[in-house]
């Protein structure tokens, strides 16, 4: 009888621990939802829209491309920048032979960049980098094939709304390029990364 009571008590403790762990995981999953760019349409958002296949889990959570902040001095390693350094989203780093859908843009165009945020955070800035002249769209994104400084920096203090946009002038380019958008968070060690394929014609 004593053994039975001991076993029941142990099972009760184990069940309670399991529930606590599951709640913790679910809470972490909810908290991981943050934001993606929809102008220009990012690779992550193309996956969500079903414009491309074989995307893996990013198709259900395009808002979760989070990695260390401080780019380009810090942040995700070369070759994993579009996924924010997250191996689970590695499909975003696959250039697919240069076949990602592109947004048509023009050199010198005043372009509206837009984010949809599923969980807003206190923000430091939004920055936009672009690939160098002669960029080969069949190659993964590295620091060497990005211009070293952002062509647009939007400082931001406070918590942005769920949909935020700002305008900037696109640099003079030709052909296919990638724009890397970086949303830097003020009160964590992370930033959010979104890669968008564009074509300057």
N, C-alpha and C. Protein backbone atom coordinates (compact mmCIF):
# COMPACT_ATOMS: atom_id res chain seq x y z
N UNK A 1 0.83 -1.20 0.00
CA UNK A 1 0.00 0.00 0.00
C UNK A 1 0.86 1.25 0.00
N UNK A 2 1.91 1.22 0.85
CA UNK A 2 2.81 2.37 0.94
C UNK A 2 3.50 2.61 -0.40
N UNK A 3 3.91 1.51 -1.05
CA UNK A 3 4.57 1.63 -2.34
C UNK A 3 3.64 2.25 -3.36
N UNK A 4 2.37 1.87 -3.35
CA UNK A 4 1.38 2.40 -4.28
C UNK A 4 1.21 3.91 -4.08
N UNK A 5 1.13 4.34 -2.77
CA UNK A 5 0.99 5.78 -2.49
C UNK A 5 2.22 6.55 -2.95
N UNK A 6 3.41 5.96 -2.74
CA UNK A 6 4.66 6.60 -3.16
C UNK A 6 4.71 6.75 -4.68
N UNK A 7 4.28 5.69 -5.37
CA UNK A 7 4.26 5.72 -6.83
C UNK A 7 3.30 6.78 -7.34
N UNK A 8 2.11 6.87 -6.72
CA UNK A 8 1.12 7.88 -7.13
C UNK A 8 1.66 9.29 -6.89
N UNK A 9 2.35 9.49 -5.78
CA UNK A 9 2.91 10.80 -5.47
C UNK A 9 3.98 11.18 -6.49
N UNK A 10 4.81 10.20 -6.84
CA UNK A 10 5.87 10.46 -7.82
C UNK A 10 5.28 10.79 -9.18
N UNK A 11 4.21 10.06 -9.55
CA UNK A 11 3.56 10.32 -10.83
C UNK A 11 2.93 11.70 -10.85
N UNK A 12 2.36 12.10 -9.71
CA UNK A 12 1.74 13.42 -9.61
C UNK A 12 2.78 14.52 -9.79
N UNK A 13 3.94 14.36 -9.15
CA UNK A 13 5.02 15.33 -9.27
C UNK A 13 5.51 15.40 -10.71
N UNK A 14 5.67 14.22 -11.34
CA UNK A 14 6.14 14.16 -12.72
C UNK A 14 5.15 14.86 -13.66
N UNK A 15 3.86 14.62 -13.44
CA UNK A 15 2.84 15.26 -14.28
C UNK A 15 2.87 16.77 -14.12
N UNK A 16 3.03 17.22 -12.86
CA UNK A 16 3.11 18.66 -12.60
C UNK A 16 4.31 19.28 -13.29
N UNK A 17 5.43 18.58 -13.24
CA UNK A 17 6.65 19.07 -13.92
C UNK A 17 6.44 19.15 -15.42
N UNK A 18 5.80 18.12 -15.99
CA UNK A 18 5.55 18.11 -17.43
C UNK A 18 4.66 19.28 -17.84
N UNK A 19 3.62 19.53 -17.06
CA UNK A 19 2.73 20.66 -17.36
C UNK A 19 3.50 21.97 -17.31
N UNK A 20 4.35 22.14 -16.31
CA UNK A 20 5.14 23.37 -16.18
C UNK A 20 6.07 23.56 -17.38
N UNK A 21 6.69 22.45 -17.79
CA UNK A 21 7.59 22.53 -18.95
C UNK A 21 6.82 22.89 -20.21
N UNK A 22 5.66 22.25 -20.41
CA UNK A 22 4.86 22.54 -21.60
C UNK A 22 4.39 23.99 -21.61
N UNK A 23 3.97 24.50 -20.46
CA UNK A 23 3.55 25.90 -20.38
C UNK A 23 4.70 26.83 -20.69
N UNK A 24 5.88 26.46 -20.20
CA UNK A 24 7.07 27.27 -20.47
C UNK A 24 7.39 27.31 -21.95
N UNK A 25 7.31 26.15 -22.61
CA UNK A 25 7.59 26.07 -24.04
C UNK A 25 6.56 26.85 -24.83
N UNK A 26 5.28 26.69 -24.48
CA UNK A 26 4.24 27.41 -25.18
C UNK A 26 4.38 28.91 -24.99
N UNK A 27 4.74 29.30 -23.78
CA UNK A 27 4.96 30.72 -23.52
C UNK A 27 6.10 31.25 -24.35
N UNK A 28 7.18 30.47 -24.46
CA UNK A 28 8.34 30.90 -25.24
C UNK A 28 7.98 31.00 -26.71
N UNK A 29 7.14 30.07 -27.18
CA UNK A 29 6.73 30.11 -28.58
C UNK A 29 5.92 31.37 -28.88
N UNK A 30 4.99 31.71 -27.97
CA UNK A 30 4.18 32.91 -28.15
C UNK A 30 5.06 34.14 -28.16
N UNK A 31 6.02 34.18 -27.25
CA UNK A 31 6.87 35.36 -27.13
C UNK A 31 7.81 35.51 -28.31
N UNK A 32 8.01 34.43 -29.07
CA UNK A 32 8.96 34.49 -30.17
C UNK A 32 8.38 35.14 -31.42
N UNK A 33 7.09 35.45 -31.41
CA UNK A 33 6.47 36.07 -32.58
C UNK A 33 6.76 37.56 -32.60
N UNK A 34 7.33 38.06 -33.71
CA UNK A 34 7.75 39.45 -33.70
C UNK A 34 7.42 40.23 -34.97
N UNK A 35 8.03 39.98 -36.11
CA UNK A 35 7.70 40.80 -37.28
C UNK A 35 8.43 40.42 -38.55
N UNK A 36 7.87 40.84 -39.69
CA UNK A 36 8.47 40.58 -40.99
C UNK A 36 8.20 41.76 -41.92
N UNK A 37 8.98 41.86 -42.99
CA UNK A 37 8.76 42.92 -43.97
C UNK A 37 7.81 42.44 -45.07
N UNK A 38 6.89 43.31 -45.44
CA UNK A 38 6.00 43.00 -46.56
C UNK A 38 6.16 43.98 -47.71
N UNK A 39 7.08 44.93 -47.58
CA UNK A 39 7.43 45.83 -48.68
C UNK A 39 8.87 46.28 -48.51
N UNK A 40 9.79 45.80 -49.37
CA UNK A 40 9.56 44.78 -50.38
C UNK A 40 9.28 43.43 -49.72
N UNK A 41 8.57 42.57 -50.41
CA UNK A 41 8.20 41.28 -49.83
C UNK A 41 9.46 40.47 -49.52
N UNK A 42 9.56 40.02 -48.28
CA UNK A 42 10.74 39.26 -47.86
C UNK A 42 10.61 37.79 -48.25
N UNK A 43 11.73 37.09 -48.21
CA UNK A 43 11.71 35.65 -48.45
C UNK A 43 10.78 34.96 -47.47
N UNK A 44 10.84 35.37 -46.21
CA UNK A 44 10.00 34.74 -45.18
C UNK A 44 8.52 34.94 -45.50
N UNK A 45 8.16 36.14 -45.95
CA UNK A 45 6.75 36.41 -46.25
C UNK A 45 6.33 35.70 -47.53
N UNK A 46 7.23 35.59 -48.51
CA UNK A 46 6.91 34.79 -49.71
C UNK A 46 6.58 33.36 -49.30
N UNK A 47 7.32 32.83 -48.32
CA UNK A 47 7.04 31.47 -47.83
C UNK A 47 5.66 31.40 -47.20
N UNK A 48 5.33 32.39 -46.39
CA UNK A 48 4.01 32.41 -45.74
C UNK A 48 2.89 32.47 -46.78
N UNK A 49 3.11 33.25 -47.84
CA UNK A 49 2.09 33.42 -48.87
C UNK A 49 1.98 32.20 -49.79
N UNK A 50 2.95 31.29 -49.70
CA UNK A 50 2.94 30.11 -50.56
C UNK A 50 3.47 30.38 -51.95
N UNK A 51 4.18 31.51 -52.12
CA UNK A 51 4.76 31.84 -53.43
C UNK A 51 5.94 30.96 -53.78
N UNK A 52 6.55 30.34 -52.76
CA UNK A 52 7.63 29.39 -52.96
C UNK A 52 7.35 28.17 -52.09
N UNK A 53 7.95 27.05 -52.44
CA UNK A 53 7.72 25.81 -51.69
C UNK A 53 9.01 25.38 -50.98
N UNK A 54 8.90 24.31 -50.21
CA UNK A 54 10.05 23.76 -49.47
C UNK A 54 10.69 24.80 -48.56
N UNK A 55 9.85 25.50 -47.80
CA UNK A 55 10.32 26.56 -46.91
C UNK A 55 10.61 26.09 -45.49
N UNK A 56 10.10 24.92 -45.12
CA UNK A 56 10.27 24.51 -43.74
C UNK A 56 9.36 25.32 -42.82
N UNK A 57 9.68 25.36 -41.52
CA UNK A 57 8.79 25.99 -40.54
C UNK A 57 8.60 27.49 -40.69
N UNK A 58 9.47 28.16 -41.45
CA UNK A 58 9.33 29.61 -41.59
C UNK A 58 8.01 29.98 -42.25
N UNK A 59 7.41 29.07 -43.01
CA UNK A 59 6.14 29.37 -43.66
C UNK A 59 5.05 29.65 -42.66
N UNK A 60 5.18 29.12 -41.43
CA UNK A 60 4.18 29.35 -40.39
C UNK A 60 4.58 30.47 -39.43
N UNK A 61 5.84 30.87 -39.47
CA UNK A 61 6.28 31.92 -38.54
C UNK A 61 7.31 32.86 -39.18
N UNK A 62 6.90 33.59 -40.23
CA UNK A 62 7.84 34.49 -40.90
C UNK A 62 8.33 35.62 -40.01
N UNK A 63 7.63 35.81 -38.90
CA UNK A 63 7.95 36.87 -37.93
C UNK A 63 9.08 36.50 -36.98
N UNK A 64 9.60 35.29 -37.04
CA UNK A 64 10.50 34.79 -36.00
C UNK A 64 11.98 34.77 -36.38
N UNK A 65 12.37 35.51 -37.42
CA UNK A 65 13.78 35.47 -37.85
C UNK A 65 14.58 36.43 -36.95
N UNK A 66 14.93 35.92 -35.80
CA UNK A 66 15.59 36.69 -34.75
C UNK A 66 17.01 36.17 -34.53
N UNK A 67 17.95 37.08 -34.37
CA UNK A 67 19.33 36.69 -34.13
C UNK A 67 20.05 37.78 -33.35
N UNK A 68 21.33 37.57 -33.06
CA UNK A 68 22.09 38.56 -32.30
C UNK A 68 22.15 39.89 -33.03
N UNK A 69 22.07 40.98 -32.26
CA UNK A 69 22.12 42.30 -32.90
C UNK A 69 23.56 42.78 -33.05
N UNK A 70 23.71 43.96 -33.65
CA UNK A 70 25.04 44.53 -33.84
C UNK A 70 25.59 44.38 -35.23
N UNK A 71 24.73 44.01 -36.20
CA UNK A 71 25.17 43.81 -37.57
C UNK A 71 25.66 45.14 -38.16
N UNK A 72 26.76 45.13 -38.94
CA UNK A 72 27.51 43.96 -39.44
C UNK A 72 28.69 43.54 -38.57
N UNK A 73 29.05 44.34 -37.56
CA UNK A 73 30.20 43.97 -36.72
C UNK A 73 29.92 42.67 -35.96
N UNK A 74 28.67 42.46 -35.59
CA UNK A 74 28.25 41.24 -34.89
C UNK A 74 27.06 40.68 -35.66
N UNK A 75 26.24 39.89 -34.99
CA UNK A 75 25.07 39.33 -35.65
C UNK A 75 25.32 37.96 -36.24
N UNK A 76 24.39 37.49 -37.08
CA UNK A 76 24.50 36.14 -37.65
C UNK A 76 25.77 35.96 -38.49
N UNK A 77 26.25 34.75 -38.54
CA UNK A 77 27.43 34.43 -39.33
C UNK A 77 27.13 34.52 -40.82
N UNK A 78 28.16 34.77 -41.61
CA UNK A 78 28.02 34.78 -43.06
C UNK A 78 27.41 33.47 -43.54
N UNK A 79 26.52 33.58 -44.50
CA UNK A 79 25.86 32.38 -45.02
C UNK A 79 24.61 32.00 -44.26
N UNK A 80 24.39 32.65 -43.09
CA UNK A 80 23.17 32.37 -42.32
C UNK A 80 22.47 33.67 -41.94
N UNK A 81 22.78 34.74 -42.67
CA UNK A 81 22.26 36.06 -42.33
C UNK A 81 20.76 36.15 -42.56
N UNK A 82 20.28 35.63 -43.68
CA UNK A 82 18.85 35.73 -43.99
C UNK A 82 17.99 34.95 -42.99
N UNK A 83 18.55 33.94 -42.37
CA UNK A 83 17.84 33.16 -41.35
C UNK A 83 18.11 33.68 -39.94
N UNK A 84 18.85 34.78 -39.83
CA UNK A 84 19.17 35.31 -38.50
C UNK A 84 20.06 34.39 -37.70
N UNK A 85 20.77 33.48 -38.39
CA UNK A 85 21.62 32.52 -37.69
C UNK A 85 20.87 31.33 -37.13
N UNK A 86 19.58 31.22 -37.47
CA UNK A 86 18.73 30.16 -36.94
C UNK A 86 18.73 28.98 -37.93
N UNK A 87 19.34 27.87 -37.53
CA UNK A 87 19.45 26.70 -38.42
C UNK A 87 18.08 26.17 -38.85
N UNK A 88 17.06 26.38 -38.03
CA UNK A 88 15.72 25.91 -38.37
C UNK A 88 15.10 26.65 -39.53
N UNK A 89 15.67 27.83 -39.85
CA UNK A 89 15.15 28.62 -40.97
C UNK A 89 16.15 28.69 -42.11
N UNK A 90 17.01 27.69 -42.24
CA UNK A 90 18.10 27.72 -43.21
C UNK A 90 17.62 27.83 -44.66
N UNK A 91 16.36 27.47 -44.91
CA UNK A 91 15.83 27.59 -46.27
C UNK A 91 15.90 29.04 -46.77
N UNK A 92 15.89 30.01 -45.84
CA UNK A 92 15.96 31.42 -46.23
C UNK A 92 17.34 31.80 -46.75
N UNK A 93 18.35 31.04 -46.38
CA UNK A 93 19.72 31.32 -46.83
C UNK A 93 20.04 30.64 -48.16
N UNK A 94 19.19 29.72 -48.57
CA UNK A 94 19.38 29.03 -49.85
C UNK A 94 19.01 29.99 -50.98
N UNK A 95 19.98 30.38 -51.82
CA UNK A 95 19.64 31.34 -52.89
C UNK A 95 18.74 30.76 -53.97
N UNK A 96 18.54 29.45 -53.96
CA UNK A 96 17.66 28.77 -54.93
C UNK A 96 18.06 29.10 -56.37
N UNK A 97 19.36 29.22 -56.59
CA UNK A 97 19.85 29.51 -57.94
C UNK A 97 19.46 30.89 -58.44
N UNK A 98 19.11 31.78 -57.52
CA UNK A 98 18.68 33.12 -57.92
C UNK A 98 17.22 33.19 -58.30
N UNK A 99 16.45 32.16 -57.93
CA UNK A 99 15.05 32.07 -58.37
C UNK A 99 14.02 32.52 -57.34
N UNK A 100 14.43 33.22 -56.26
CA UNK A 100 13.43 33.78 -55.35
C UNK A 100 12.60 34.81 -56.11
N UNK A 101 11.31 34.93 -55.82
CA UNK A 101 10.51 36.00 -56.45
C UNK A 101 11.11 37.37 -56.11
N UNK A 102 11.05 38.28 -57.07
CA UNK A 102 11.64 39.60 -56.87
C UNK A 102 10.57 40.70 -56.91
N UNK A 103 10.87 41.80 -56.25
CA UNK A 103 10.07 43.02 -56.33
C UNK A 103 10.76 43.96 -57.31
N UNK A 104 10.02 44.50 -58.27
CA UNK A 104 10.61 45.42 -59.25
C UNK A 104 10.79 46.80 -58.62
N UNK A 105 12.00 47.32 -58.73
CA UNK A 105 12.34 48.64 -58.18
C UNK A 105 13.18 49.40 -59.20
N UNK A 106 13.48 50.66 -58.88
CA UNK A 106 14.29 51.49 -59.78
C UNK A 106 15.36 52.23 -59.00
N UNK A 107 16.49 52.47 -59.64
CA UNK A 107 17.56 53.25 -59.02
C UNK A 107 17.04 54.65 -58.67
N UNK A 108 17.36 55.11 -57.49
CA UNK A 108 16.96 56.44 -57.06
C UNK A 108 15.49 56.57 -56.69
N UNK A 109 14.76 55.47 -56.72
CA UNK A 109 13.34 55.50 -56.39
C UNK A 109 13.12 55.82 -54.92
N UNK A 110 12.11 56.64 -54.64
CA UNK A 110 11.69 56.85 -53.26
C UNK A 110 10.77 55.70 -52.90
N UNK A 111 11.26 54.78 -52.09
CA UNK A 111 10.57 53.51 -51.84
C UNK A 111 10.02 53.50 -50.42
N UNK A 112 8.84 52.90 -50.25
CA UNK A 112 8.24 52.75 -48.92
C UNK A 112 8.53 51.36 -48.39
N UNK A 113 9.28 51.30 -47.31
CA UNK A 113 9.60 50.04 -46.64
C UNK A 113 8.57 49.81 -45.53
N UNK A 114 8.06 48.59 -45.44
CA UNK A 114 7.00 48.32 -44.47
C UNK A 114 7.25 47.02 -43.71
N UNK A 115 6.94 47.07 -42.43
CA UNK A 115 7.01 45.91 -41.54
C UNK A 115 5.63 45.64 -40.96
N UNK A 116 5.33 44.37 -40.77
CA UNK A 116 4.17 43.97 -39.96
C UNK A 116 4.71 43.31 -38.71
N UNK A 117 4.40 43.89 -37.56
CA UNK A 117 4.93 43.40 -36.29
C UNK A 117 3.84 42.66 -35.53
N UNK A 118 4.11 41.41 -35.21
CA UNK A 118 3.14 40.62 -34.45
C UNK A 118 3.34 40.78 -32.95
N UNK A 119 4.50 41.28 -32.55
CA UNK A 119 4.76 41.62 -31.15
C UNK A 119 5.78 42.75 -31.16
N UNK A 120 5.34 43.95 -30.80
CA UNK A 120 6.23 45.11 -30.85
C UNK A 120 7.21 45.09 -29.69
N UNK A 121 8.37 45.66 -29.93
CA UNK A 121 9.40 45.75 -28.91
C UNK A 121 9.95 47.16 -28.88
N UNK A 122 10.48 47.56 -27.76
CA UNK A 122 11.21 48.82 -27.69
C UNK A 122 12.34 48.77 -28.71
N UNK A 123 12.44 49.79 -29.52
CA UNK A 123 13.26 49.74 -30.73
C UNK A 123 14.38 50.77 -30.73
N UNK A 124 15.52 50.38 -31.29
CA UNK A 124 16.64 51.28 -31.49
C UNK A 124 16.63 51.86 -32.89
N UNK A 125 16.46 50.99 -33.91
CA UNK A 125 16.51 51.46 -35.30
C UNK A 125 16.02 50.40 -36.26
N UNK A 126 15.74 50.86 -37.48
CA UNK A 126 15.53 50.00 -38.64
C UNK A 126 16.63 50.37 -39.63
N UNK A 127 17.34 49.36 -40.14
CA UNK A 127 18.43 49.62 -41.09
C UNK A 127 18.25 48.75 -42.32
N UNK A 128 18.72 49.28 -43.46
CA UNK A 128 18.59 48.57 -44.73
C UNK A 128 19.93 48.53 -45.44
N UNK A 129 20.39 47.32 -45.73
CA UNK A 129 21.63 47.07 -46.45
C UNK A 129 21.27 46.52 -47.83
N UNK A 130 22.19 46.64 -48.79
CA UNK A 130 21.95 46.08 -50.10
C UNK A 130 23.22 45.42 -50.62
N UNK A 131 23.06 44.48 -51.50
CA UNK A 131 24.21 43.77 -52.06
C UNK A 131 25.03 44.67 -52.97
N UNK A 132 26.29 44.30 -53.12
CA UNK A 132 27.25 45.11 -53.89
C UNK A 132 27.00 44.99 -55.39
N UNK A 133 27.57 45.93 -56.14
CA UNK A 133 27.53 45.85 -57.60
C UNK A 133 28.19 44.54 -58.03
N UNK A 134 27.60 43.87 -59.01
CA UNK A 134 28.15 42.61 -59.48
C UNK A 134 27.75 41.42 -58.63
N UNK A 135 26.83 41.62 -57.67
CA UNK A 135 26.36 40.53 -56.82
C UNK A 135 25.80 39.38 -57.67
N UNK A 136 26.18 38.16 -57.30
CA UNK A 136 25.68 36.95 -57.95
C UNK A 136 24.51 36.40 -57.15
N UNK A 137 23.27 36.52 -57.64
CA UNK A 137 22.10 36.08 -56.87
C UNK A 137 22.02 34.58 -56.62
N UNK A 138 22.94 33.82 -57.21
CA UNK A 138 22.94 32.38 -56.95
C UNK A 138 23.78 32.03 -55.73
N UNK A 139 24.34 33.04 -55.05
CA UNK A 139 25.21 32.81 -53.89
C UNK A 139 24.52 33.23 -52.59
N UNK A 140 24.81 32.55 -51.47
CA UNK A 140 24.26 32.96 -50.17
C UNK A 140 24.77 34.35 -49.79
N UNK A 141 24.05 35.01 -48.89
CA UNK A 141 24.42 36.36 -48.46
C UNK A 141 25.52 36.30 -47.41
N UNK A 142 26.58 37.06 -47.68
CA UNK A 142 27.69 37.22 -46.73
C UNK A 142 27.97 38.71 -46.59
N UNK A 143 28.76 39.07 -45.61
CA UNK A 143 29.13 40.48 -45.45
C UNK A 143 29.91 40.99 -46.66
N UNK A 144 30.69 40.11 -47.28
CA UNK A 144 31.49 40.51 -48.43
C UNK A 144 30.64 40.90 -49.63
N UNK A 145 29.43 40.31 -49.74
CA UNK A 145 28.61 40.71 -50.88
C UNK A 145 27.48 41.66 -50.50
N UNK A 146 27.64 42.32 -49.33
CA UNK A 146 26.76 43.42 -48.94
C UNK A 146 27.58 44.70 -48.86
N UNK A 147 26.97 45.82 -49.22
CA UNK A 147 27.63 47.10 -48.99
C UNK A 147 27.89 47.22 -47.49
N UNK A 148 29.04 47.76 -47.08
CA UNK A 148 29.41 47.75 -45.65
C UNK A 148 28.54 48.61 -44.75
N UNK A 149 27.86 49.61 -45.32
CA UNK A 149 27.02 50.49 -44.51
C UNK A 149 25.59 50.46 -45.04
N UNK A 150 24.61 50.65 -44.18
CA UNK A 150 23.22 50.67 -44.66
C UNK A 150 22.98 51.88 -45.56
N UNK A 151 22.15 51.72 -46.57
CA UNK A 151 21.78 52.86 -47.41
C UNK A 151 20.66 53.67 -46.78
N UNK A 152 20.02 53.10 -45.77
CA UNK A 152 18.96 53.80 -45.04
C UNK A 152 18.98 53.37 -43.58
N UNK A 153 19.01 54.33 -42.69
CA UNK A 153 18.91 54.07 -41.25
C UNK A 153 17.79 54.93 -40.69
N UNK A 154 16.86 54.31 -40.00
CA UNK A 154 15.75 55.02 -39.38
C UNK A 154 15.83 54.83 -37.87
N UNK A 155 16.39 55.82 -37.14
CA UNK A 155 16.43 55.72 -35.69
C UNK A 155 15.00 55.69 -35.14
N UNK A 156 14.81 54.96 -34.05
CA UNK A 156 13.48 54.87 -33.48
C UNK A 156 13.60 54.71 -31.97
N UNK A 157 12.83 55.48 -31.26
CA UNK A 157 12.84 55.40 -29.80
C UNK A 157 11.44 55.06 -29.32
N UNK A 158 11.32 53.94 -28.65
CA UNK A 158 10.01 53.53 -28.16
C UNK A 158 9.51 52.27 -28.83
N UNK A 159 8.22 52.02 -28.66
CA UNK A 159 7.60 50.81 -29.18
C UNK A 159 6.79 51.14 -30.43
N UNK A 160 7.14 50.59 -31.58
CA UNK A 160 6.42 50.92 -32.82
C UNK A 160 5.05 50.27 -32.88
N UNK A 161 4.18 50.79 -33.77
CA UNK A 161 2.86 50.16 -33.96
C UNK A 161 3.00 48.83 -34.68
N UNK A 162 1.90 48.11 -34.80
CA UNK A 162 1.96 46.78 -35.43
C UNK A 162 2.27 46.85 -36.91
N UNK A 163 1.91 47.95 -37.55
CA UNK A 163 2.27 48.16 -38.96
C UNK A 163 3.00 49.48 -39.06
N UNK A 164 4.24 49.42 -39.51
CA UNK A 164 5.06 50.62 -39.58
C UNK A 164 5.75 50.69 -40.93
N UNK A 165 5.81 51.89 -41.49
CA UNK A 165 6.49 52.07 -42.77
C UNK A 165 7.29 53.37 -42.73
N UNK A 166 8.29 53.44 -43.56
CA UNK A 166 9.09 54.65 -43.71
C UNK A 166 9.69 54.66 -45.10
N UNK A 167 9.99 55.86 -45.58
CA UNK A 167 10.45 56.02 -46.96
C UNK A 167 11.95 56.27 -47.01
N UNK A 168 12.55 55.82 -48.10
CA UNK A 168 13.97 56.06 -48.31
C UNK A 168 14.29 55.94 -49.79
N UNK A 169 15.42 56.50 -50.18
CA UNK A 169 15.83 56.47 -51.58
C UNK A 169 16.69 55.25 -51.85
N UNK A 170 16.31 54.48 -52.85
CA UNK A 170 17.08 53.31 -53.23
C UNK A 170 18.37 53.74 -53.92
N UNK A 171 19.46 53.03 -53.69
CA UNK A 171 20.73 53.39 -54.34
C UNK A 171 20.70 53.06 -55.83
N UNK A 172 21.70 53.54 -56.53
CA UNK A 172 21.82 53.28 -57.97
C UNK A 172 22.38 51.87 -58.18
N UNK A 173 21.56 51.00 -58.72
CA UNK A 173 21.94 49.60 -58.97
C UNK A 173 21.33 49.14 -60.27
N UNK A 174 21.76 47.99 -60.75
CA UNK A 174 21.12 47.36 -61.90
C UNK A 174 21.06 45.86 -61.66
N UNK A 175 20.06 45.24 -62.26
CA UNK A 175 19.93 43.80 -62.12
C UNK A 175 19.34 43.39 -60.79
N UNK A 176 19.57 42.11 -60.43
CA UNK A 176 18.97 41.52 -59.24
C UNK A 176 19.85 41.73 -58.02
N UNK A 177 19.22 42.09 -56.91
CA UNK A 177 19.93 42.33 -55.65
C UNK A 177 19.10 41.82 -54.48
N UNK A 178 19.71 41.83 -53.30
CA UNK A 178 19.01 41.50 -52.07
C UNK A 178 19.11 42.69 -51.13
N UNK A 179 17.98 43.05 -50.54
CA UNK A 179 17.94 44.06 -49.49
C UNK A 179 17.79 43.34 -48.16
N UNK A 180 18.70 43.62 -47.26
CA UNK A 180 18.65 43.05 -45.91
C UNK A 180 18.11 44.12 -44.96
N UNK A 181 16.96 43.84 -44.36
CA UNK A 181 16.36 44.75 -43.39
C UNK A 181 16.68 44.24 -41.99
N UNK A 182 17.14 45.14 -41.13
CA UNK A 182 17.51 44.78 -39.76
C UNK A 182 16.74 45.67 -38.78
N UNK A 183 15.90 45.05 -37.96
CA UNK A 183 15.14 45.77 -36.93
C UNK A 183 15.83 45.48 -35.59
N UNK A 184 16.49 46.49 -35.03
CA UNK A 184 17.27 46.30 -33.82
C UNK A 184 16.43 46.65 -32.58
N UNK A 185 16.41 45.71 -31.64
CA UNK A 185 15.61 45.85 -30.42
C UNK A 185 16.44 46.53 -29.33
N UNK A 186 15.81 47.43 -28.58
CA UNK A 186 16.53 48.22 -27.58
C UNK A 186 16.78 47.45 -26.28
N UNK A 187 15.81 46.63 -25.86
CA UNK A 187 15.90 46.04 -24.52
C UNK A 187 16.21 44.55 -24.51
N UNK A 188 16.69 44.01 -25.64
CA UNK A 188 17.19 42.63 -25.66
C UNK A 188 18.51 42.64 -26.42
N UNK A 189 19.14 41.48 -26.49
CA UNK A 189 20.42 41.37 -27.20
C UNK A 189 20.22 41.02 -28.67
N UNK A 190 18.98 41.10 -29.15
CA UNK A 190 18.68 40.59 -30.49
C UNK A 190 18.17 41.64 -31.45
N UNK A 191 18.11 41.23 -32.71
CA UNK A 191 17.52 42.00 -33.80
C UNK A 191 16.76 41.03 -34.68
N UNK A 192 15.95 41.57 -35.59
CA UNK A 192 15.21 40.75 -36.54
C UNK A 192 15.74 41.02 -37.94
N UNK A 193 15.88 39.95 -38.72
CA UNK A 193 16.50 40.01 -40.04
C UNK A 193 15.52 39.55 -41.10
N UNK A 194 15.44 40.32 -42.20
CA UNK A 194 14.57 39.95 -43.31
C UNK A 194 15.30 40.24 -44.61
N UNK A 195 15.37 39.23 -45.48
CA UNK A 195 15.99 39.39 -46.79
C UNK A 195 14.91 39.47 -47.86
N UNK A 196 15.02 40.47 -48.72
CA UNK A 196 14.07 40.66 -49.82
C UNK A 196 14.83 40.70 -51.13
N UNK A 197 14.38 39.96 -52.11
CA UNK A 197 15.00 39.95 -53.43
C UNK A 197 14.32 41.00 -54.30
N UNK A 198 15.11 41.84 -54.92
CA UNK A 198 14.58 42.93 -55.75
C UNK A 198 15.29 42.92 -57.11
N UNK A 199 14.62 43.53 -58.09
CA UNK A 199 15.22 43.61 -59.43
C UNK A 199 15.13 45.04 -59.92
N UNK A 200 16.31 45.62 -60.20
CA UNK A 200 16.39 47.00 -60.67
C UNK A 200 16.21 47.07 -62.20
N UNK A 201 16.00 45.93 -62.85
CA UNK A 201 15.75 45.95 -64.28
C UNK A 201 17.03 46.07 -65.10
